[in-house]
Amino acid sequence: MEKENKTEKVYDKNQSYKIDEALKILKQVNRAKFDASVELHFRLGINPKKGDQQIRGAVNLPHGTGKTVKVAAFVSPENEKATKEAGADLVGGEDLIEDIKKSEKTDFAIAVAEPKMMKELAKIAKILGTRGLMPSTKNETVSDNPAKTVTELKKGKISFKNDDTANLHLIIGKISFSDDKLVENFKTILEELKKIKPPSAKGVYIKNIHICSSISPAVKVSAD
């Protein structure tokens, strides 16, 4: 109750704040004793049951997320060297696919593949798919230039998609990031979201936005 009262003195939970002001509030109410992630939560005016209203894509965050992403790359032998040099943590073709098929272990956060490898990936599609790891053209993880894709992912490119309740959840940095960096990351995502609004989505597209840290109350952010 005491923490709740302190929060109420800092800001009004029902009010929407400009992003720069929202970040100042967030840093005041953040309770984490560690360098917590800064999370964005969007409530979208879409029907998640309709295929033409799915929100899915990828965006390069100017300042990254502050997290090291472990990347697996499914490539042909001639691209293995370049992909490793680009920073991929696991690199291979049919051999890597067979290893995953046998062990069912996926010790990586995102997978990249050449188009020609997608047929082979069908062997582990169930394993990757249920864990949200299947490469896709929609989030730009199927690429003719896998080394370039890996480089972008390591620098801060993130993929996103709405959940079954029309919400979208993203990490835009760390609480230790300067406000300027977090604002720029926020604006980059907001601009991309507005750009990919489904034509069939009627009414208010971005219903509300909240920002919070791993351990903090949420602050409502305006979409302006």
Protein backbone atom coordinates (compact mmCIF):
# COMPACT_ATOMS: atom_id res chain seq x y z
CA MET A 1 0.00 0.00 0.00
CA GLU A 2 2.86 2.34 0.86
CA LYS A 3 4.51 1.70 -2.52
CA GLU A 4 1.18 2.32 -4.25
CA ASN A 5 0.77 5.64 -2.43
CA LYS A 6 4.29 6.70 -3.43
CA THR A 7 3.52 5.86 -7.06
CA GLU A 8 0.31 7.88 -6.98
CA LYS A 9 2.29 10.92 -5.86
CA VAL A 10 4.61 10.61 -8.86
CA TYR A 11 2.04 10.25 -11.65
CA ASP A 12 -1.58 9.56 -12.59
CA LYS A 13 -2.00 6.00 -13.91
CA ASN A 14 -4.99 7.05 -16.02
CA GLN A 15 -3.19 9.87 -17.76
CA SER A 16 -1.19 9.50 -20.99
CA TYR A 17 2.23 11.14 -21.03
CA LYS A 18 4.57 12.13 -23.84
CA ILE A 19 7.33 9.54 -24.16
CA ASP A 20 10.10 11.76 -22.72
CA GLU A 21 7.98 12.55 -19.66
CA ALA A 22 6.87 8.90 -19.33
CA LEU A 23 10.51 7.79 -19.22
CA LYS A 24 11.35 10.24 -16.44
CA ILE A 25 8.40 8.87 -14.44
CA LEU A 26 9.44 5.28 -15.18
CA LYS A 27 12.93 5.85 -13.84
CA GLN A 28 11.45 7.27 -10.65
CA VAL A 29 9.12 4.33 -10.01
CA ASN A 30 11.44 1.56 -11.20
CA ARG A 31 11.96 -0.89 -8.33
CA ALA A 32 14.60 -3.16 -9.87
CA LYS A 33 18.00 -3.34 -8.22
CA PHE A 34 19.50 -4.52 -11.53
CA ASP A 35 19.67 -3.05 -15.03
CA ALA A 36 16.10 -3.91 -15.96
CA SER A 37 14.75 -4.10 -19.50
CA VAL A 38 12.39 -1.35 -20.64
CA GLU A 39 9.22 -2.90 -22.07
CA LEU A 40 6.59 -1.49 -24.42
CA HIS A 41 3.07 -2.91 -24.50
CA PHE A 42 0.65 -1.93 -27.26
CA ARG A 43 -3.11 -2.57 -27.27
CA LEU A 44 -4.09 -2.68 -30.94
CA GLY A 45 -7.42 -2.18 -32.66
CA ILE A 46 -7.16 -5.31 -34.78
CA ASN A 47 -8.98 -8.62 -34.98
CA PRO A 48 -6.21 -11.17 -34.25
CA LYS A 49 -8.37 -13.97 -35.67
CA LYS A 50 -8.23 -12.43 -39.14
CA GLY A 51 -5.14 -13.24 -41.18
CA ASP A 52 -5.15 -9.88 -42.98
CA GLN A 53 -5.00 -8.03 -39.66
CA GLN A 54 -1.98 -9.78 -38.19
CA ILE A 55 0.78 -7.40 -37.15
CA ARG A 56 4.16 -8.89 -37.85
CA GLY A 57 7.44 -7.39 -38.91
CA ALA A 58 10.99 -6.41 -38.04
CA VAL A 59 12.68 -3.13 -37.23
CA ASN A 60 16.23 -1.93 -36.62
CA LEU A 61 16.42 -0.21 -33.24
CA PRO A 62 18.99 2.63 -33.51
CA HIS A 63 20.44 1.79 -30.10
CA GLY A 64 19.63 -1.91 -29.79
CA THR A 65 17.93 -3.54 -26.81
CA GLY A 66 20.97 -3.89 -24.56
CA LYS A 67 20.61 -7.67 -24.77
CA THR A 68 22.93 -10.07 -26.56
CA VAL A 69 20.83 -12.17 -28.93
CA LYS A 70 21.93 -15.74 -29.63
CA VAL A 71 21.44 -16.44 -33.34
CA ALA A 72 21.36 -19.74 -35.24
CA ALA A 73 21.94 -19.65 -38.99
CA PHE A 74 20.85 -22.41 -41.34
CA VAL A 75 22.98 -21.90 -44.44
CA SER A 76 24.69 -23.70 -47.28
CA PRO A 77 28.42 -24.55 -46.93
CA GLU A 78 29.57 -21.62 -49.09
CA ASN A 79 27.92 -19.14 -46.68
CA GLU A 80 29.06 -20.67 -43.40
CA LYS A 81 32.32 -18.70 -43.07
CA ALA A 82 30.74 -15.29 -43.71
CA THR A 83 27.82 -16.02 -41.39
CA LYS A 84 30.16 -17.07 -38.58
CA GLU A 85 32.23 -13.92 -39.08
CA ALA A 86 29.01 -11.87 -38.89
CA GLY A 87 28.48 -13.20 -35.36
CA ALA A 88 26.12 -16.16 -35.66
CA ASP A 89 26.41 -18.40 -32.59
CA LEU A 90 25.32 -21.61 -34.33
CA VAL A 91 25.96 -22.15 -38.02
CA GLY A 92 25.19 -25.18 -40.16
CA GLY A 93 23.00 -26.79 -42.73
CA GLU A 94 21.62 -30.32 -42.80
CA ASP A 95 24.00 -31.34 -40.00
CA LEU A 96 22.62 -28.69 -37.63
CA ILE A 97 19.07 -29.59 -38.59
CA GLU A 98 19.71 -33.28 -37.83
CA ASP A 99 21.27 -32.39 -34.45
CA ILE A 100 18.17 -30.40 -33.48
CA LYS A 101 15.88 -33.14 -34.78
CA LYS A 102 17.61 -35.71 -32.55
CA SER A 103 18.09 -33.63 -29.40
CA GLU A 104 15.11 -31.23 -29.77
CA LYS A 105 17.36 -28.61 -28.16
CA THR A 106 17.14 -25.03 -29.40
CA ASP A 107 19.74 -23.05 -27.50
CA PHE A 108 19.17 -19.80 -29.42
CA ALA A 109 16.76 -16.89 -29.43
CA ILE A 110 16.29 -16.40 -33.17
CA ALA A 111 16.95 -18.38 -36.34
CA VAL A 112 18.01 -17.17 -39.77
CA ALA A 113 17.87 -19.24 -42.96
CA GLU A 114 18.64 -19.05 -46.64
CA PRO A 115 15.54 -19.62 -48.82
CA LYS A 116 17.03 -22.88 -50.17
CA MET A 117 17.28 -24.25 -46.61
CA MET A 118 13.56 -23.86 -45.85
CA LYS A 119 12.73 -27.21 -47.42
CA GLU A 120 15.22 -28.94 -45.10
CA LEU A 121 13.88 -26.98 -42.10
CA ALA A 122 10.52 -28.68 -42.64
CA LYS A 123 12.06 -31.63 -40.76
CA ILE A 124 12.16 -29.57 -37.55
CA ALA A 125 9.32 -27.17 -38.30
CA LYS A 126 7.26 -28.51 -35.41
CA ILE A 127 10.12 -28.00 -32.93
CA LEU A 128 10.93 -24.50 -34.14
CA GLY A 129 7.35 -23.44 -34.77
CA THR A 130 6.02 -24.23 -31.30
CA ARG A 131 8.89 -22.18 -29.82
CA GLY A 132 8.44 -19.21 -32.13
CA LEU A 133 11.80 -19.83 -33.81
CA MET A 134 10.83 -20.70 -37.37
CA PRO A 135 12.50 -18.33 -39.88
CA SER A 136 10.01 -16.30 -41.88
CA THR A 137 9.99 -13.80 -44.72
CA LYS A 138 7.54 -11.72 -42.70
CA ASN A 139 10.06 -10.96 -39.99
CA GLU A 140 12.94 -10.89 -42.50
CA THR A 141 14.77 -13.91 -41.07
CA VAL A 142 14.71 -15.76 -44.42
CA SER A 143 17.40 -14.06 -46.46
CA ASP A 144 19.61 -14.50 -49.52
CA ASN A 145 22.26 -12.67 -47.51
CA PRO A 146 22.24 -14.43 -44.11
CA ALA A 147 25.49 -12.78 -42.98
CA LYS A 148 23.94 -9.32 -43.39
CA THR A 149 20.81 -10.44 -41.52
CA VAL A 150 22.90 -11.80 -38.63
CA THR A 151 24.85 -8.52 -38.44
CA GLU A 152 21.59 -6.54 -38.23
CA LEU A 153 20.20 -8.82 -35.52
CA LYS A 154 23.36 -8.48 -33.47
CA LYS A 155 23.20 -4.69 -33.78
CA GLY A 156 19.62 -4.46 -32.51
CA LYS A 157 17.17 -5.57 -35.18
CA ILE A 158 14.08 -7.07 -33.53
CA SER A 159 11.10 -8.96 -34.88
CA PHE A 160 7.59 -8.60 -33.50
CA LYS A 161 4.06 -9.95 -33.85
CA ASN A 162 0.77 -9.49 -32.04
CA ASP A 163 -0.50 -12.10 -29.60
CA ASP A 164 -3.93 -13.76 -29.57
CA THR A 165 -5.44 -10.85 -27.59
CA ALA A 166 -4.36 -8.11 -30.06
CA ASN A 167 -1.49 -7.00 -27.83
CA LEU A 168 2.10 -6.42 -28.87
CA HIS A 169 5.02 -6.68 -26.45
CA LEU A 170 8.54 -5.38 -27.14
CA ILE A 171 11.78 -4.56 -25.35
CA ILE A 172 13.32 -1.22 -26.36
CA GLY A 173 16.40 -1.07 -24.17
CA LYS A 174 17.66 -1.02 -20.60
CA ILE A 175 16.75 1.29 -17.73
CA SER A 176 20.38 2.48 -17.80
CA PHE A 177 19.98 3.80 -21.36
CA SER A 178 19.84 7.57 -21.67
CA ASP A 179 16.36 9.01 -22.22
CA ASP A 180 17.40 10.17 -25.71
CA LYS A 181 18.28 6.63 -26.79
CA LEU A 182 15.04 5.17 -25.42
CA VAL A 183 12.99 7.93 -27.06
CA GLU A 184 14.62 7.26 -30.42
CA ASN A 185 14.02 3.51 -30.12
CA PHE A 186 10.38 4.17 -29.14
CA LYS A 187 9.76 6.52 -32.06
CA THR A 188 11.34 4.05 -34.50
CA ILE A 189 8.93 1.31 -33.40
CA LEU A 190 5.91 3.61 -33.34
CA GLU A 191 6.63 4.85 -36.86
CA GLU A 192 7.00 1.29 -38.16
CA LEU A 193 3.75 0.18 -36.50
CA LYS A 194 1.81 3.06 -38.04
CA LYS A 195 3.32 2.27 -41.44
CA ILE A 196 2.10 -1.35 -41.41
CA LYS A 197 -1.45 -0.67 -40.23
CA PRO A 198 -3.72 -3.26 -41.93
CA PRO A 199 -6.11 -1.57 -44.41
CA SER A 200 -8.96 -3.75 -43.10
CA ALA A 201 -8.50 -2.63 -39.46
CA LYS A 202 -11.26 -0.14 -38.66
CA GLY A 203 -11.53 2.36 -35.83
CA VAL A 204 -8.67 3.29 -33.51
CA TYR A 205 -5.55 1.36 -34.50
CA ILE A 206 -3.28 2.02 -31.51
CA LYS A 207 -5.68 1.97 -28.57
CA ASN A 208 -3.12 2.48 -25.85
CA ILE A 209 0.57 2.16 -25.07
CA HIS A 210 2.18 1.37 -21.74
CA ILE A 211 5.83 1.44 -20.80
CA CYS A 212 7.37 -0.30 -17.81
CA SER A 213 10.55 -1.96 -16.61
CA SER A 214 10.93 -5.61 -15.62
CA ILE A 215 9.83 -4.64 -12.10
CA SER A 216 7.79 -1.45 -12.09
CA PRO A 217 4.25 -0.19 -12.46
CA ALA A 218 3.27 0.79 -16.02
CA VAL A 219 3.09 4.33 -17.33
CA LYS A 220 0.62 5.21 -20.09
CA VAL A 221 2.21 6.80 -23.17
CA SER A 222 0.55 8.92 -25.84
CA ALA A 223 0.91 7.85 -29.46
CA ASP A 224 1.52 11.43 -30.66
